Amino acid sequence: MADPVPFNEPARFARAKFRAWHRGTREADFMIGGFFDKYSNTWDERELKWFETLLDEDDVDIMAWALGVQPAPPLYEGPMMDAMRRPDYVHVHR
């Protein structure tokens, strides 16, 4: 991930957060929403665009790529997917 850069587009971040936390299953919400919550405060334009593009993919594909069950398409490979493959951002509340 890039060093924190002053990047302020609150409407885009709010939309991405909503989409990350309203995926359709709790598992996807925790994985994708948790990733957004942990990392988005340091994102620059390029990283936000990567995440917005990822949100257009099917949940089962995103989760398979993040869990390493399937290889991610080249478009998504890189530091952001590497971070997504470390599930330290998934917090399940009981």
N, C-alpha and C. Protein backbone atom coordinates (compact mmCIF):
# COMPACT_ATOMS: atom_id res chain seq x y z
N MET A 1 0.84 -1.17 0.00
CA MET A 1 0.00 0.00 0.00
C MET A 1 0.89 1.24 0.00
N ALA A 2 0.40 2.24 -0.56
CA ALA A 2 1.15 3.50 -0.65
C ALA A 2 1.17 4.19 0.70
N ASP A 3 2.14 5.08 0.86
CA ASP A 3 2.15 5.92 2.05
C ASP A 3 0.91 6.80 2.03
N PRO A 4 0.41 7.19 3.21
CA PRO A 4 -0.78 8.04 3.23
C PRO A 4 -0.57 9.30 2.40
N VAL A 5 -1.52 9.57 1.56
CA VAL A 5 -1.48 10.74 0.69
C VAL A 5 -2.74 11.53 0.95
N PRO A 6 -2.65 12.85 1.04
CA PRO A 6 -3.88 13.63 1.20
C PRO A 6 -4.80 13.39 0.01
N PHE A 7 -5.83 12.65 0.22
CA PHE A 7 -6.77 12.30 -0.85
C PHE A 7 -8.15 12.35 -0.23
N ASN A 8 -8.97 13.24 -0.70
CA ASN A 8 -10.24 13.45 -0.05
C ASN A 8 -11.37 13.46 -1.07
N GLU A 9 -12.02 12.35 -1.18
CA GLU A 9 -13.22 12.25 -2.01
C GLU A 9 -14.26 11.53 -1.17
N PRO A 10 -14.85 12.22 -0.21
CA PRO A 10 -15.73 11.55 0.76
C PRO A 10 -16.90 10.80 0.13
N ALA A 11 -17.47 11.30 -0.94
CA ALA A 11 -18.60 10.61 -1.55
C ALA A 11 -18.18 9.26 -2.14
N ARG A 12 -17.02 9.22 -2.77
CA ARG A 12 -16.53 7.96 -3.34
C ARG A 12 -16.19 6.97 -2.24
N PHE A 13 -15.55 7.44 -1.18
CA PHE A 13 -15.23 6.55 -0.07
C PHE A 13 -16.51 6.04 0.60
N ALA A 14 -17.49 6.90 0.78
CA ALA A 14 -18.75 6.49 1.41
C ALA A 14 -19.46 5.45 0.55
N ARG A 15 -19.48 5.66 -0.75
CA ARG A 15 -20.11 4.70 -1.66
C ARG A 15 -19.37 3.37 -1.63
N ALA A 16 -18.03 3.42 -1.65
CA ALA A 16 -17.24 2.19 -1.62
C ALA A 16 -17.45 1.45 -0.30
N LYS A 17 -17.52 2.18 0.80
CA LYS A 17 -17.75 1.55 2.10
C LYS A 17 -19.11 0.87 2.13
N PHE A 18 -20.13 1.54 1.64
CA PHE A 18 -21.46 0.94 1.62
C PHE A 18 -21.45 -0.33 0.78
N ARG A 19 -20.86 -0.26 -0.40
CA ARG A 19 -20.81 -1.44 -1.27
C ARG A 19 -19.98 -2.57 -0.66
N ALA A 20 -18.93 -2.22 0.08
CA ALA A 20 -18.09 -3.23 0.71
C ALA A 20 -18.83 -3.96 1.82
N TRP A 21 -19.68 -3.26 2.54
CA TRP A 21 -20.38 -3.84 3.69
C TRP A 21 -21.77 -4.36 3.36
N HIS A 22 -22.21 -4.27 2.12
CA HIS A 22 -23.53 -4.75 1.72
C HIS A 22 -23.40 -5.63 0.48
N ARG A 23 -22.73 -6.75 0.67
CA ARG A 23 -22.41 -7.62 -0.45
C ARG A 23 -23.49 -8.67 -0.70
N GLY A 24 -24.19 -9.11 0.31
CA GLY A 24 -25.20 -10.15 0.11
C GLY A 24 -25.05 -11.32 1.06
N THR A 25 -23.84 -11.54 1.57
CA THR A 25 -23.63 -12.56 2.60
C THR A 25 -22.79 -11.95 3.71
N ARG A 26 -22.98 -12.47 4.91
CA ARG A 26 -22.21 -11.95 6.04
C ARG A 26 -20.72 -12.22 5.85
N GLU A 27 -20.40 -13.39 5.28
CA GLU A 27 -18.99 -13.73 5.07
C GLU A 27 -18.32 -12.71 4.16
N ALA A 28 -18.98 -12.39 3.07
CA ALA A 28 -18.41 -11.41 2.14
C ALA A 28 -18.37 -10.02 2.77
N ASP A 29 -19.41 -9.68 3.54
CA ASP A 29 -19.42 -8.39 4.23
C ASP A 29 -18.21 -8.26 5.15
N PHE A 30 -17.96 -9.30 5.96
CA PHE A 30 -16.84 -9.25 6.90
C PHE A 30 -15.51 -9.18 6.17
N MET A 31 -15.37 -9.94 5.09
CA MET A 31 -14.09 -9.95 4.39
C MET A 31 -13.86 -8.65 3.63
N ILE A 32 -14.79 -8.27 2.79
CA ILE A 32 -14.59 -7.10 1.92
C ILE A 32 -14.75 -5.81 2.71
N GLY A 33 -15.76 -5.76 3.58
CA GLY A 33 -15.95 -4.58 4.42
C GLY A 33 -14.83 -4.40 5.42
N GLY A 34 -14.37 -5.51 6.00
CA GLY A 34 -13.26 -5.44 6.95
C GLY A 34 -11.98 -4.94 6.29
N PHE A 35 -11.75 -5.40 5.06
CA PHE A 35 -10.59 -4.93 4.30
C PHE A 35 -10.68 -3.42 4.08
N PHE A 36 -11.85 -2.95 3.68
CA PHE A 36 -12.05 -1.51 3.47
C PHE A 36 -11.77 -0.75 4.76
N ASP A 37 -12.35 -1.20 5.86
CA ASP A 37 -12.20 -0.48 7.14
C ASP A 37 -10.74 -0.40 7.58
N LYS A 38 -9.99 -1.48 7.38
CA LYS A 38 -8.61 -1.49 7.86
C LYS A 38 -7.68 -0.64 6.98
N TYR A 39 -7.87 -0.67 5.69
CA TYR A 39 -6.87 -0.09 4.79
C TYR A 39 -7.26 1.21 4.08
N SER A 40 -8.53 1.52 3.98
CA SER A 40 -8.94 2.63 3.11
C SER A 40 -8.43 4.00 3.55
N ASN A 41 -8.11 4.15 4.82
CA ASN A 41 -7.65 5.47 5.29
C ASN A 41 -6.28 5.86 4.73
N THR A 42 -5.59 4.93 4.10
CA THR A 42 -4.28 5.25 3.51
C THR A 42 -4.31 5.23 1.98
N TRP A 43 -5.46 4.98 1.39
CA TRP A 43 -5.53 4.82 -0.06
C TRP A 43 -5.39 6.14 -0.81
N ASP A 44 -4.75 6.04 -1.95
CA ASP A 44 -4.71 7.15 -2.89
C ASP A 44 -5.72 6.88 -4.01
N GLU A 45 -5.73 7.73 -5.00
CA GLU A 45 -6.69 7.60 -6.11
C GLU A 45 -6.59 6.24 -6.80
N ARG A 46 -5.38 5.80 -7.06
CA ARG A 46 -5.17 4.53 -7.76
C ARG A 46 -5.70 3.36 -6.96
N GLU A 47 -5.47 3.36 -5.66
CA GLU A 47 -5.92 2.26 -4.81
C GLU A 47 -7.45 2.27 -4.65
N LEU A 48 -8.03 3.44 -4.53
CA LEU A 48 -9.49 3.51 -4.46
C LEU A 48 -10.10 3.00 -5.76
N LYS A 49 -9.53 3.37 -6.88
CA LYS A 49 -10.03 2.89 -8.18
C LYS A 49 -9.92 1.38 -8.27
N TRP A 50 -8.81 0.81 -7.80
CA TRP A 50 -8.64 -0.65 -7.77
C TRP A 50 -9.78 -1.29 -6.98
N PHE A 51 -10.06 -0.75 -5.81
CA PHE A 51 -11.10 -1.31 -4.95
C PHE A 51 -12.48 -1.16 -5.58
N GLU A 52 -12.75 0.00 -6.16
CA GLU A 52 -14.05 0.21 -6.83
C GLU A 52 -14.24 -0.80 -7.96
N THR A 53 -13.20 -1.08 -8.71
CA THR A 53 -13.26 -2.07 -9.78
C THR A 53 -13.48 -3.46 -9.20
N LEU A 54 -12.78 -3.77 -8.13
CA LEU A 54 -12.95 -5.07 -7.47
C LEU A 54 -14.39 -5.27 -7.01
N LEU A 55 -15.03 -4.23 -6.52
CA LEU A 55 -16.40 -4.33 -6.04
C LEU A 55 -17.39 -4.72 -7.13
N ASP A 56 -17.01 -4.56 -8.38
CA ASP A 56 -17.87 -4.97 -9.49
C ASP A 56 -17.82 -6.47 -9.75
N GLU A 57 -16.88 -7.16 -9.12
CA GLU A 57 -16.73 -8.60 -9.30
C GLU A 57 -17.70 -9.35 -8.37
N ASP A 58 -17.92 -10.63 -8.68
CA ASP A 58 -18.77 -11.47 -7.84
C ASP A 58 -18.07 -11.78 -6.52
N ASP A 59 -18.86 -11.83 -5.46
CA ASP A 59 -18.31 -12.10 -4.13
C ASP A 59 -17.53 -13.40 -4.08
N VAL A 60 -18.08 -14.46 -4.69
CA VAL A 60 -17.39 -15.75 -4.63
C VAL A 60 -16.02 -15.67 -5.27
N ASP A 61 -15.88 -14.89 -6.33
CA ASP A 61 -14.58 -14.73 -6.97
C ASP A 61 -13.62 -13.95 -6.08
N ILE A 62 -14.10 -12.83 -5.53
CA ILE A 62 -13.25 -12.02 -4.65
C ILE A 62 -12.76 -12.85 -3.48
N MET A 63 -13.66 -13.60 -2.87
CA MET A 63 -13.28 -14.40 -1.71
C MET A 63 -12.31 -15.51 -2.10
N ALA A 64 -12.52 -16.14 -3.26
CA ALA A 64 -11.61 -17.19 -3.72
C ALA A 64 -10.22 -16.62 -3.98
N TRP A 65 -10.14 -15.43 -4.55
CA TRP A 65 -8.84 -14.80 -4.79
C TRP A 65 -8.17 -14.45 -3.47
N ALA A 66 -8.94 -13.90 -2.54
CA ALA A 66 -8.37 -13.48 -1.26
C ALA A 66 -7.92 -14.68 -0.43
N LEU A 67 -8.64 -15.79 -0.54
CA LEU A 67 -8.28 -16.99 0.22
C LEU A 67 -7.23 -17.84 -0.50
N GLY A 68 -6.90 -17.48 -1.73
CA GLY A 68 -5.89 -18.22 -2.48
C GLY A 68 -6.41 -19.50 -3.10
N VAL A 69 -7.73 -19.66 -3.17
CA VAL A 69 -8.33 -20.86 -3.77
C VAL A 69 -8.23 -20.80 -5.29
N GLN A 70 -8.32 -19.60 -5.83
CA GLN A 70 -8.17 -19.38 -7.26
C GLN A 70 -7.18 -18.23 -7.46
N PRO A 71 -6.43 -18.27 -8.55
CA PRO A 71 -5.55 -17.12 -8.82
C PRO A 71 -6.39 -15.91 -9.23
N ALA A 72 -5.98 -14.76 -8.77
CA ALA A 72 -6.66 -13.52 -9.15
C ALA A 72 -6.25 -13.14 -10.57
N PRO A 73 -7.14 -12.50 -11.31
CA PRO A 73 -6.76 -11.99 -12.63
C PRO A 73 -5.60 -11.00 -12.50
N PRO A 74 -4.76 -10.90 -13.51
CA PRO A 74 -3.61 -9.99 -13.45
C PRO A 74 -3.98 -8.56 -13.05
N LEU A 75 -5.16 -8.11 -13.43
CA LEU A 75 -5.62 -6.77 -13.09
C LEU A 75 -5.60 -6.52 -11.58
N TYR A 76 -5.84 -7.57 -10.80
CA TYR A 76 -5.95 -7.42 -9.35
C TYR A 76 -4.69 -7.82 -8.59
N GLU A 77 -3.74 -8.45 -9.25
CA GLU A 77 -2.51 -8.85 -8.56
C GLU A 77 -1.69 -7.63 -8.18
N GLY A 78 -1.02 -7.71 -7.04
CA GLY A 78 -0.18 -6.62 -6.57
C GLY A 78 -0.34 -6.41 -5.08
N PRO A 79 0.15 -5.30 -4.57
CA PRO A 79 0.15 -5.06 -3.12
C PRO A 79 -1.24 -5.06 -2.48
N MET A 80 -2.25 -4.59 -3.19
CA MET A 80 -3.60 -4.57 -2.61
C MET A 80 -4.12 -6.00 -2.44
N MET A 81 -3.95 -6.85 -3.44
CA MET A 81 -4.40 -8.24 -3.31
C MET A 81 -3.54 -8.96 -2.28
N ASP A 82 -2.26 -8.65 -2.21
CA ASP A 82 -1.41 -9.25 -1.18
C ASP A 82 -1.96 -8.93 0.21
N ALA A 83 -2.36 -7.69 0.42
CA ALA A 83 -2.94 -7.29 1.71
C ALA A 83 -4.26 -8.01 1.94
N MET A 84 -5.04 -8.18 0.89
CA MET A 84 -6.33 -8.86 1.03
C MET A 84 -6.14 -10.33 1.38
N ARG A 85 -5.02 -10.90 0.99
CA ARG A 85 -4.75 -12.31 1.29
C ARG A 85 -4.30 -12.53 2.74
N ARG A 86 -4.01 -11.46 3.46
CA ARG A 86 -3.69 -11.57 4.89
C ARG A 86 -4.99 -11.27 5.65
N PRO A 87 -5.65 -12.28 6.17
CA PRO A 87 -6.98 -12.05 6.76
C PRO A 87 -6.94 -11.40 8.14
N ASP A 88 -5.98 -10.56 8.39
CA ASP A 88 -5.89 -9.89 9.70
C ASP A 88 -6.94 -8.79 9.85
N TYR A 89 -7.71 -8.54 8.83
CA TYR A 89 -8.72 -7.49 8.86
C TYR A 89 -10.13 -8.03 9.09
N VAL A 90 -10.27 -9.36 9.15
CA VAL A 90 -11.60 -9.96 9.35
C VAL A 90 -11.84 -10.13 10.84
N HIS A 91 -12.84 -9.42 11.34
CA HIS A 91 -13.20 -9.50 12.75
C HIS A 91 -14.66 -9.93 12.85
N VAL A 92 -14.88 -11.12 13.36
CA VAL A 92 -16.24 -11.64 13.50
C VAL A 92 -16.68 -11.41 14.93
N HIS A 93 -17.78 -10.71 15.08
CA HIS A 93 -18.32 -10.41 16.40
C HIS A 93 -19.35 -11.46 16.77
N ARG A 94 -19.31 -11.89 18.00
CA ARG A 94 -20.27 -12.92 18.45
C ARG A 94 -21.39 -12.30 19.21
